[in-house]
Amino acid sequence: QVDQSRDPDAPGANNPRNNGGKSRANSHTTVKGIELMRWLVRLITPPGGLVLDPFAGSGTTGCAAVLEGCGFIGTEMSEEFATIARARIAHWEGVAEKASVQVEMFDE
């Protein structure tokens, strides 16, 4: 099933990280790796700080921020990508919360 919203000859359409132009939950053309963005968040944000991303795209920086225990404010002009970003960030907030609870259990 091909993503009809994307020109098959568009830059990035044949990128394997983009699923070869096929439909998937995250159709953003420049998805970054979460581990890279986590490193960047740790590099420039104080512990518990606030990360601002004025071009949130599919939310990778927000995912990284919540995994690093930071607050996040993001803006995105595309409602499609804002929806994807909200879902991804909410998912990783849940992962971070579960990890935090597990750590607390072993801290005692």
N, C-alpha and C. Protein backbone atom coordinates (compact mmCIF):
# COMPACT_ATOMS: atom_id res chain seq x y z
N GLN A 1 0.85 -1.18 0.00
CA GLN A 1 0.00 0.00 0.00
C GLN A 1 0.89 1.24 0.00
N VAL A 2 0.77 2.06 -1.01
CA VAL A 2 1.60 3.24 -1.17
C VAL A 2 0.91 4.46 -0.57
N ASP A 3 1.69 5.31 0.07
CA ASP A 3 1.17 6.55 0.63
C ASP A 3 0.82 7.49 -0.52
N GLN A 4 -0.47 7.69 -0.76
CA GLN A 4 -0.93 8.49 -1.89
C GLN A 4 -0.62 9.98 -1.72
N SER A 5 -0.32 10.41 -0.50
CA SER A 5 -0.06 11.83 -0.28
C SER A 5 1.37 12.21 -0.64
N ARG A 6 2.19 11.22 -0.95
CA ARG A 6 3.61 11.47 -1.22
C ARG A 6 3.94 11.12 -2.66
N ASP A 7 4.60 12.04 -3.34
CA ASP A 7 5.07 11.78 -4.69
C ASP A 7 6.17 10.72 -4.61
N PRO A 8 6.05 9.62 -5.36
CA PRO A 8 7.06 8.55 -5.27
C PRO A 8 8.46 9.02 -5.65
N ASP A 9 8.56 10.12 -6.38
CA ASP A 9 9.87 10.65 -6.77
C ASP A 9 10.37 11.75 -5.83
N ALA A 10 9.62 12.02 -4.77
CA ALA A 10 10.01 13.07 -3.83
C ALA A 10 11.25 12.66 -3.05
N PRO A 11 12.07 13.65 -2.65
CA PRO A 11 13.24 13.33 -1.84
C PRO A 11 12.82 12.57 -0.58
N GLY A 12 13.52 11.51 -0.31
CA GLY A 12 13.24 10.72 0.88
C GLY A 12 12.18 9.65 0.69
N ALA A 13 11.48 9.65 -0.44
CA ALA A 13 10.41 8.68 -0.64
C ALA A 13 10.92 7.24 -0.66
N ASN A 14 12.15 7.05 -1.10
CA ASN A 14 12.69 5.69 -1.15
C ASN A 14 13.63 5.40 0.01
N ASN A 15 13.64 6.27 1.01
CA ASN A 15 14.47 6.08 2.19
C ASN A 15 13.91 4.90 2.99
N PRO A 16 14.75 3.89 3.32
CA PRO A 16 14.24 2.74 4.06
C PRO A 16 13.64 3.11 5.41
N ARG A 17 14.13 4.19 6.04
CA ARG A 17 13.55 4.63 7.33
C ARG A 17 12.17 5.20 7.10
N ASN A 18 11.85 5.55 5.87
CA ASN A 18 10.55 6.09 5.52
C ASN A 18 9.64 5.00 4.97
N ASN A 19 10.05 3.76 5.12
CA ASN A 19 9.25 2.61 4.70
C ASN A 19 8.99 2.62 3.20
N GLY A 20 9.96 3.14 2.43
CA GLY A 20 9.85 3.12 0.98
C GLY A 20 8.65 3.84 0.43
N GLY A 21 8.15 4.86 1.13
CA GLY A 21 6.99 5.60 0.64
C GLY A 21 5.67 4.92 0.97
N LYS A 22 5.69 3.81 1.69
CA LYS A 22 4.45 3.10 2.04
C LYS A 22 3.80 3.76 3.25
N SER A 23 2.50 3.54 3.38
CA SER A 23 1.77 4.09 4.52
C SER A 23 2.29 3.52 5.82
N ARG A 24 2.33 4.35 6.81
CA ARG A 24 2.67 3.93 8.17
C ARG A 24 2.24 5.04 9.10
N ALA A 25 2.38 4.80 10.38
CA ALA A 25 1.89 5.78 11.35
C ALA A 25 2.66 7.09 11.29
N ASN A 26 3.96 7.05 10.98
CA ASN A 26 4.77 8.27 10.93
C ASN A 26 5.27 8.48 9.51
N SER A 27 4.63 9.37 8.79
CA SER A 27 4.98 9.60 7.39
C SER A 27 5.88 10.81 7.19
N HIS A 28 6.43 11.37 8.27
CA HIS A 28 7.29 12.54 8.16
C HIS A 28 8.56 12.17 7.39
N THR A 29 9.02 13.08 6.53
CA THR A 29 10.17 12.76 5.66
C THR A 29 11.52 12.86 6.34
N THR A 30 11.61 13.53 7.48
CA THR A 30 12.92 13.70 8.12
C THR A 30 12.91 13.24 9.57
N VAL A 31 12.42 12.04 9.81
CA VAL A 31 12.38 11.50 11.16
C VAL A 31 13.81 11.30 11.67
N LYS A 32 14.07 11.81 12.86
CA LYS A 32 15.39 11.65 13.50
C LYS A 32 15.33 10.47 14.46
N GLY A 33 16.49 9.91 14.77
CA GLY A 33 16.56 8.84 15.75
C GLY A 33 16.38 9.38 17.16
N ILE A 34 15.62 8.67 17.98
CA ILE A 34 15.38 9.13 19.35
C ILE A 34 16.67 9.16 20.15
N GLU A 35 17.54 8.18 19.96
CA GLU A 35 18.80 8.16 20.73
C GLU A 35 19.67 9.37 20.43
N LEU A 36 19.74 9.79 19.17
CA LEU A 36 20.49 10.99 18.80
C LEU A 36 19.90 12.21 19.50
N MET A 37 18.58 12.33 19.47
CA MET A 37 17.94 13.49 20.08
C MET A 37 18.05 13.45 21.60
N ARG A 38 18.06 12.26 22.20
CA ARG A 38 18.27 12.16 23.65
C ARG A 38 19.66 12.70 24.01
N TRP A 39 20.64 12.35 23.21
CA TRP A 39 22.01 12.83 23.45
C TRP A 39 22.05 14.36 23.35
N LEU A 40 21.39 14.91 22.33
CA LEU A 40 21.38 16.36 22.17
C LEU A 40 20.64 17.04 23.32
N VAL A 41 19.53 16.45 23.77
CA VAL A 41 18.80 17.02 24.91
C VAL A 41 19.70 17.04 26.14
N ARG A 42 20.39 15.93 26.41
CA ARG A 42 21.31 15.88 27.57
C ARG A 42 22.44 16.89 27.42
N LEU A 43 22.89 17.10 26.19
CA LEU A 43 24.02 17.99 25.93
C LEU A 43 23.69 19.45 26.24
N ILE A 44 22.46 19.87 25.93
CA ILE A 44 22.16 21.31 26.03
C ILE A 44 21.11 21.68 27.07
N THR A 45 20.46 20.69 27.69
CA THR A 45 19.38 21.00 28.63
C THR A 45 19.78 20.60 30.04
N PRO A 46 19.63 21.49 31.00
CA PRO A 46 19.94 21.10 32.39
C PRO A 46 18.95 20.04 32.86
N PRO A 47 19.34 19.21 33.82
CA PRO A 47 18.42 18.19 34.33
C PRO A 47 17.09 18.79 34.75
N GLY A 48 16.01 18.20 34.27
CA GLY A 48 14.68 18.70 34.60
C GLY A 48 14.30 19.97 33.86
N GLY A 49 15.12 20.39 32.89
CA GLY A 49 14.88 21.63 32.16
C GLY A 49 13.72 21.53 31.18
N LEU A 50 13.58 22.55 30.39
CA LEU A 50 12.49 22.65 29.42
C LEU A 50 13.07 22.72 28.02
N VAL A 51 12.58 21.88 27.13
CA VAL A 51 13.03 21.86 25.74
C VAL A 51 11.95 22.51 24.89
N LEU A 52 12.35 23.46 24.04
CA LEU A 52 11.43 24.14 23.13
C LEU A 52 11.80 23.75 21.71
N ASP A 53 10.84 23.22 20.96
CA ASP A 53 11.07 22.86 19.56
C ASP A 53 10.02 23.57 18.70
N PRO A 54 10.40 24.67 18.02
CA PRO A 54 9.43 25.42 17.24
C PRO A 54 9.03 24.74 15.93
N PHE A 55 9.71 23.66 15.58
CA PHE A 55 9.40 22.91 14.36
C PHE A 55 9.34 21.42 14.73
N ALA A 56 8.31 21.04 15.48
CA ALA A 56 8.26 19.73 16.13
C ALA A 56 8.18 18.55 15.16
N GLY A 57 7.67 18.76 13.97
CA GLY A 57 7.58 17.65 13.02
C GLY A 57 6.82 16.49 13.61
N SER A 58 7.41 15.30 13.61
CA SER A 58 6.73 14.13 14.15
C SER A 58 7.05 13.89 15.61
N GLY A 59 7.72 14.84 16.28
CA GLY A 59 7.86 14.81 17.72
C GLY A 59 9.05 14.10 18.31
N THR A 60 10.07 13.80 17.52
CA THR A 60 11.20 13.05 18.06
C THR A 60 11.89 13.79 19.20
N THR A 61 12.05 15.10 19.09
CA THR A 61 12.68 15.86 20.17
C THR A 61 11.83 15.80 21.43
N GLY A 62 10.53 15.85 21.29
CA GLY A 62 9.64 15.72 22.44
C GLY A 62 9.75 14.35 23.09
N CYS A 63 9.85 13.30 22.27
CA CYS A 63 10.04 11.95 22.80
C CYS A 63 11.32 11.89 23.61
N ALA A 64 12.39 12.45 23.04
CA ALA A 64 13.68 12.45 23.73
C ALA A 64 13.61 13.24 25.03
N ALA A 65 12.94 14.37 24.99
CA ALA A 65 12.84 15.22 26.19
C ALA A 65 12.15 14.48 27.33
N VAL A 66 11.02 13.84 27.04
CA VAL A 66 10.31 13.15 28.12
C VAL A 66 11.10 11.96 28.64
N LEU A 67 11.82 11.28 27.75
CA LEU A 67 12.65 10.16 28.19
C LEU A 67 13.81 10.62 29.06
N GLU A 68 14.26 11.87 28.87
CA GLU A 68 15.35 12.42 29.68
C GLU A 68 14.84 13.18 30.90
N GLY A 69 13.53 13.12 31.15
CA GLY A 69 12.98 13.76 32.34
C GLY A 69 12.84 15.27 32.21
N CYS A 70 12.75 15.77 31.01
CA CYS A 70 12.61 17.21 30.78
C CYS A 70 11.18 17.54 30.38
N GLY A 71 10.83 18.80 30.55
CA GLY A 71 9.57 19.30 30.02
C GLY A 71 9.73 19.55 28.53
N PHE A 72 8.62 19.67 27.83
CA PHE A 72 8.70 19.88 26.38
C PHE A 72 7.56 20.77 25.91
N ILE A 73 7.92 21.75 25.07
CA ILE A 73 6.95 22.57 24.36
C ILE A 73 7.32 22.50 22.89
N GLY A 74 6.37 22.09 22.08
CA GLY A 74 6.62 22.00 20.65
C GLY A 74 5.50 22.64 19.87
N THR A 75 5.84 23.20 18.72
CA THR A 75 4.83 23.73 17.81
C THR A 75 5.03 23.10 16.45
N GLU A 76 3.93 22.90 15.74
CA GLU A 76 3.98 22.30 14.40
C GLU A 76 2.82 22.85 13.60
N MET A 77 3.09 23.36 12.41
CA MET A 77 2.02 23.97 11.61
C MET A 77 1.15 22.93 10.89
N SER A 78 1.65 21.72 10.71
CA SER A 78 0.88 20.67 10.05
C SER A 78 0.08 19.89 11.09
N GLU A 79 -1.24 19.89 10.96
CA GLU A 79 -2.08 19.14 11.89
C GLU A 79 -1.77 17.65 11.81
N GLU A 80 -1.47 17.15 10.62
CA GLU A 80 -1.12 15.73 10.47
C GLU A 80 0.09 15.37 11.33
N PHE A 81 1.14 16.15 11.23
CA PHE A 81 2.35 15.85 12.00
C PHE A 81 2.17 16.16 13.49
N ALA A 82 1.37 17.18 13.81
CA ALA A 82 1.10 17.47 15.23
C ALA A 82 0.37 16.29 15.88
N THR A 83 -0.53 15.67 15.15
CA THR A 83 -1.24 14.49 15.66
C THR A 83 -0.27 13.34 15.89
N ILE A 84 0.62 13.12 14.93
CA ILE A 84 1.64 12.07 15.07
C ILE A 84 2.53 12.37 16.26
N ALA A 85 2.97 13.63 16.38
CA ALA A 85 3.87 14.02 17.48
C ALA A 85 3.20 13.80 18.83
N ARG A 86 1.94 14.21 18.97
CA ARG A 86 1.24 14.01 20.25
C ARG A 86 1.19 12.53 20.63
N ALA A 87 0.87 11.69 19.66
CA ALA A 87 0.77 10.25 19.94
C ALA A 87 2.12 9.67 20.32
N ARG A 88 3.17 10.04 19.59
CA ARG A 88 4.50 9.51 19.89
C ARG A 88 4.98 9.97 21.26
N ILE A 89 4.80 11.24 21.58
CA ILE A 89 5.25 11.77 22.86
C ILE A 89 4.48 11.12 24.00
N ALA A 90 3.17 10.95 23.83
CA ALA A 90 2.37 10.29 24.87
C ALA A 90 2.85 8.86 25.10
N HIS A 91 3.18 8.17 24.02
CA HIS A 91 3.70 6.80 24.15
C HIS A 91 4.97 6.80 24.99
N TRP A 92 5.92 7.66 24.65
CA TRP A 92 7.20 7.67 25.36
C TRP A 92 7.08 8.23 26.77
N GLU A 93 6.09 9.08 27.02
CA GLU A 93 5.82 9.50 28.40
C GLU A 93 5.43 8.29 29.24
N GLY A 94 4.61 7.42 28.68
CA GLY A 94 4.21 6.20 29.38
C GLY A 94 5.39 5.28 29.63
N VAL A 95 6.27 5.14 28.64
CA VAL A 95 7.47 4.32 28.81
C VAL A 95 8.35 4.89 29.90
N ALA A 96 8.55 6.20 29.89
CA ALA A 96 9.40 6.85 30.89
C ALA A 96 8.80 6.71 32.28
N GLU A 97 7.48 6.84 32.38
CA GLU A 97 6.81 6.73 33.68
C GLU A 97 6.97 5.31 34.24
N LYS A 98 6.80 4.30 33.40
CA LYS A 98 6.96 2.91 33.86
C LYS A 98 8.40 2.65 34.30
N ALA A 99 9.36 3.19 33.57
CA ALA A 99 10.77 3.00 33.93
C ALA A 99 11.06 3.67 35.26
N SER A 100 10.48 4.84 35.48
CA SER A 100 10.69 5.58 36.73
C SER A 100 10.12 4.80 37.91
N VAL A 101 8.95 4.22 37.75
CA VAL A 101 8.33 3.44 38.81
C VAL A 101 9.20 2.22 39.13
N GLN A 102 9.72 1.58 38.11
CA GLN A 102 10.57 0.40 38.33
C GLN A 102 11.84 0.78 39.08
N VAL A 103 12.45 1.90 38.73
CA VAL A 103 13.66 2.35 39.41
C VAL A 103 13.35 2.64 40.87
N GLU A 104 12.23 3.33 41.13
CA GLU A 104 11.84 3.66 42.50
C GLU A 104 11.65 2.40 43.34
N MET A 105 11.12 1.34 42.75
CA MET A 105 10.90 0.10 43.47
C MET A 105 12.22 -0.49 43.97
N PHE A 106 13.27 -0.32 43.20
CA PHE A 106 14.56 -0.90 43.56
C PHE A 106 15.43 0.05 44.37
N ASP A 107 15.04 1.31 44.49
CA ASP A 107 15.81 2.27 45.27
C ASP A 107 15.68 2.07 46.77
N GLU A 108 14.62 1.43 47.20
CA GLU A 108 14.37 1.30 48.64
C GLU A 108 15.33 0.41 49.28
